[in-house]
Amino acid sequence: MPTTPETAKPARGYALAKDDYRTRLRRIEGQVRGLQRMIDADEYCIDVLTQIAAVNTALESLAFMILDDHVNHCVAGALASGDPAEAEAKSKELLEAVHRFARVR
């Protein structure tokens, strides 16, 4: 079925950086595989924990980049649209995402 403006999937905030994000995710995936090898090799606990912290930091960094894209694209677009319901929905999504990040800490 051909894509029309009505059926087209909306562009996501991270769309322009998708390749960069995939590269980062592959790098993180490699870090996790390295952790598995460390466990298999009975590496020292603190060394494993250090690498886990590095994976967490990498994931958080990626999450904040995507959150930034969400604010600058999705939320800004909803606010600029003049549609109060859309603006409220995107603002609510943003606040929920920020609360999730705050709870994790």
C-alpha atoms as a PDB file:
ATOM      1  CA  MET A   1       0.000   0.000   0.000  1.00  0.00           C
ATOM      2  CA  PRO A   2       1.482   3.398  -0.943  1.00  0.00           C
ATOM      3  CA  THR A   3       2.315   5.825   1.840  1.00  0.00           C
ATOM      4  CA  THR A   4       0.285   9.016   1.899  1.00  0.00           C
ATOM      5  CA  PRO A   5       0.668  11.960   4.252  1.00  0.00           C
ATOM      6  CA  GLU A   6      -2.248  10.563   6.259  1.00  0.00           C
ATOM      7  CA  THR A   7      -0.682   7.096   6.623  1.00  0.00           C
ATOM      8  CA  ALA A   8       2.968   8.085   6.864  1.00  0.00           C
ATOM      9  CA  LYS A   9       4.694   7.295  10.116  1.00  0.00           C
ATOM     10  CA  PRO A  10       5.577  10.550  11.893  1.00  0.00           C
ATOM     11  CA  ALA A  11       9.259  11.470  12.030  1.00  0.00           C
ATOM     12  CA  ARG A  12      10.781  10.809  15.425  1.00  0.00           C
ATOM     13  CA  GLY A  13      12.991  13.281  17.214  1.00  0.00           C
ATOM     14  CA  TYR A  14      15.992  10.994  16.904  1.00  0.00           C
ATOM     15  CA  ALA A  15      15.495  10.279  13.179  1.00  0.00           C
ATOM     16  CA  LEU A  16      18.406  12.428  11.976  1.00  0.00           C
ATOM     17  CA  ALA A  17      20.834  10.821  14.431  1.00  0.00           C
ATOM     18  CA  LYS A  18      19.579   7.253  14.048  1.00  0.00           C
ATOM     19  CA  ASP A  19      22.856   5.938  12.601  1.00  0.00           C
ATOM     20  CA  ASP A  20      24.840   7.509  15.442  1.00  0.00           C
ATOM     21  CA  TYR A  21      22.491   5.998  18.006  1.00  0.00           C
ATOM     22  CA  ARG A  22      22.733   2.549  16.416  1.00  0.00           C
ATOM     23  CA  THR A  23      26.517   2.827  16.525  1.00  0.00           C
ATOM     24  CA  ARG A  24      26.390   3.746  20.212  1.00  0.00           C
ATOM     25  CA  LEU A  25      24.036   0.847  20.943  1.00  0.00           C
ATOM     26  CA  ARG A  26      26.360  -1.598  19.187  1.00  0.00           C
ATOM     27  CA  ARG A  27      29.236  -0.267  21.260  1.00  0.00           C
ATOM     28  CA  ILE A  28      27.199  -0.742  24.450  1.00  0.00           C
ATOM     29  CA  GLU A  29      26.245  -4.231  23.311  1.00  0.00           C
ATOM     30  CA  GLY A  30      29.968  -4.957  22.960  1.00  0.00           C
ATOM     31  CA  GLN A  31      30.550  -3.693  26.490  1.00  0.00           C
ATOM     32  CA  VAL A  32      27.873  -6.064  27.797  1.00  0.00           C
ATOM     33  CA  ARG A  33      29.415  -8.984  25.922  1.00  0.00           C
ATOM     34  CA  GLY A  34      32.725  -8.000  27.518  1.00  0.00           C
ATOM     35  CA  LEU A  35      31.040  -8.191  30.915  1.00  0.00           C
ATOM     36  CA  GLN A  36      29.859 -11.701  30.119  1.00  0.00           C
ATOM     37  CA  ARG A  37      33.430 -12.675  29.227  1.00  0.00           C
ATOM     38  CA  MET A  38      34.664 -11.129  32.484  1.00  0.00           C
ATOM     39  CA  ILE A  39      32.197 -13.227  34.482  1.00  0.00           C
ATOM     40  CA  ASP A  40      33.160 -16.354  32.531  1.00  0.00           C
ATOM     41  CA  ALA A  41      36.835 -15.614  33.268  1.00  0.00           C
ATOM     42  CA  ASP A  42      36.173 -15.065  37.006  1.00  0.00           C
ATOM     43  CA  GLU A  43      37.497 -11.483  36.869  1.00  0.00           C
ATOM     44  CA  TYR A  44      37.802  -9.462  40.071  1.00  0.00           C
ATOM     45  CA  CYS A  45      34.451  -8.174  41.414  1.00  0.00           C
ATOM     46  CA  ILE A  46      35.468  -4.518  41.431  1.00  0.00           C
ATOM     47  CA  ASP A  47      36.603  -4.703  37.814  1.00  0.00           C
ATOM     48  CA  VAL A  48      33.231  -6.155  36.821  1.00  0.00           C
ATOM     49  CA  LEU A  49      31.403  -3.461  38.794  1.00  0.00           C
ATOM     50  CA  THR A  50      33.505  -0.764  37.127  1.00  0.00           C
ATOM     51  CA  GLN A  51      32.479  -2.064  33.712  1.00  0.00           C
ATOM     52  CA  ILE A  52      28.807  -2.260  34.760  1.00  0.00           C
ATOM     53  CA  ALA A  53      29.011   1.391  35.813  1.00  0.00           C
ATOM     54  CA  ALA A  54      30.492   2.247  32.411  1.00  0.00           C
ATOM     55  CA  VAL A  55      27.579   0.493  30.643  1.00  0.00           C
ATOM     56  CA  ASN A  56      25.062   2.330  32.826  1.00  0.00           C
ATOM     57  CA  THR A  57      26.751   5.653  32.064  1.00  0.00           C
ATOM     58  CA  ALA A  58      26.732   4.908  28.332  1.00  0.00           C
ATOM     59  CA  LEU A  59      23.023   4.020  28.397  1.00  0.00           C
ATOM     60  CA  GLU A  60      22.153   7.109  30.431  1.00  0.00           C
ATOM     61  CA  SER A  61      24.100   9.299  28.025  1.00  0.00           C
ATOM     62  CA  LEU A  62      22.212   7.848  25.073  1.00  0.00           C
ATOM     63  CA  ALA A  63      18.898   8.229  26.884  1.00  0.00           C
ATOM     64  CA  PHE A  64      19.557  11.906  27.573  1.00  0.00           C
ATOM     65  CA  MET A  65      20.469  12.496  23.946  1.00  0.00           C
ATOM     66  CA  ILE A  66      17.196  10.915  22.828  1.00  0.00           C
ATOM     67  CA  LEU A  67      15.306  12.873  25.498  1.00  0.00           C
ATOM     68  CA  ASP A  68      16.913  16.060  24.176  1.00  0.00           C
ATOM     69  CA  ASP A  69      15.777  15.138  20.666  1.00  0.00           C
ATOM     70  CA  HIS A  70      12.275  14.494  22.007  1.00  0.00           C
ATOM     71  CA  VAL A  71      12.125  17.938  23.607  1.00  0.00           C
ATOM     72  CA  ASN A  72      13.550  19.766  20.596  1.00  0.00           C
ATOM     73  CA  HIS A  73      11.475  17.938  18.000  1.00  0.00           C
ATOM     74  CA  CYS A  74       8.364  16.265  19.372  1.00  0.00           C
ATOM     75  CA  VAL A  75       7.497  18.556  22.277  1.00  0.00           C
ATOM     76  CA  ALA A  76       8.509  21.731  20.455  1.00  0.00           C
ATOM     77  CA  GLY A  77       6.498  20.652  17.422  1.00  0.00           C
ATOM     78  CA  ALA A  78       3.435  19.941  19.527  1.00  0.00           C
ATOM     79  CA  LEU A  79       3.692  23.315  21.245  1.00  0.00           C
ATOM     80  CA  ALA A  80       4.152  25.099  17.912  1.00  0.00           C
ATOM     81  CA  SER A  81       1.230  23.238  16.327  1.00  0.00           C
ATOM     82  CA  GLY A  82      -1.330  25.299  18.186  1.00  0.00           C
ATOM     83  CA  ASP A  83      -3.193  22.117  19.148  1.00  0.00           C
ATOM     84  CA  PRO A  84      -3.693  22.352  22.942  1.00  0.00           C
ATOM     85  CA  ALA A  85      -4.468  18.629  23.295  1.00  0.00           C
ATOM     86  CA  GLU A  86      -1.319  17.614  21.411  1.00  0.00           C
ATOM     87  CA  ALA A  87       0.797  20.090  23.384  1.00  0.00           C
ATOM     88  CA  GLU A  88      -0.612  18.764  26.657  1.00  0.00           C
ATOM     89  CA  ALA A  89      -0.045  15.133  25.632  1.00  0.00           C
ATOM     90  CA  LYS A  90       3.603  15.733  24.642  1.00  0.00           C
ATOM     91  CA  SER A  91       4.249  17.788  27.780  1.00  0.00           C
ATOM     92  CA  LYS A  92       2.799  14.985  29.901  1.00  0.00           C
ATOM     93  CA  GLU A  93       4.996  12.411  28.105  1.00  0.00           C
ATOM     94  CA  LEU A  94       8.037  14.566  28.752  1.00  0.00           C
ATOM     95  CA  LEU A  95       7.305  14.938  32.454  1.00  0.00           C
ATOM     96  CA  GLU A  96       6.694  11.191  32.802  1.00  0.00           C
ATOM     97  CA  ALA A  97      10.054  10.472  31.139  1.00  0.00           C
ATOM     98  CA  VAL A  98      11.821  12.914  33.463  1.00  0.00           C
ATOM     99  CA  HIS A  99      10.140  11.294  36.471  1.00  0.00           C
ATOM    100  CA  ARG A 100      11.312   7.845  35.306  1.00  0.00           C
ATOM    101  CA  PHE A 101      14.873   9.131  35.126  1.00  0.00           C
ATOM    102  CA  ALA A 102      14.564  10.732  38.556  1.00  0.00           C
ATOM    103  CA  ARG A 103      13.258   7.500  40.120  1.00  0.00           C
ATOM    104  CA  VAL A 104      16.136   5.466  38.724  1.00  0.00           C
ATOM    105  CA  ARG A 105      18.672   7.588  40.581  1.00  0.00           C
END
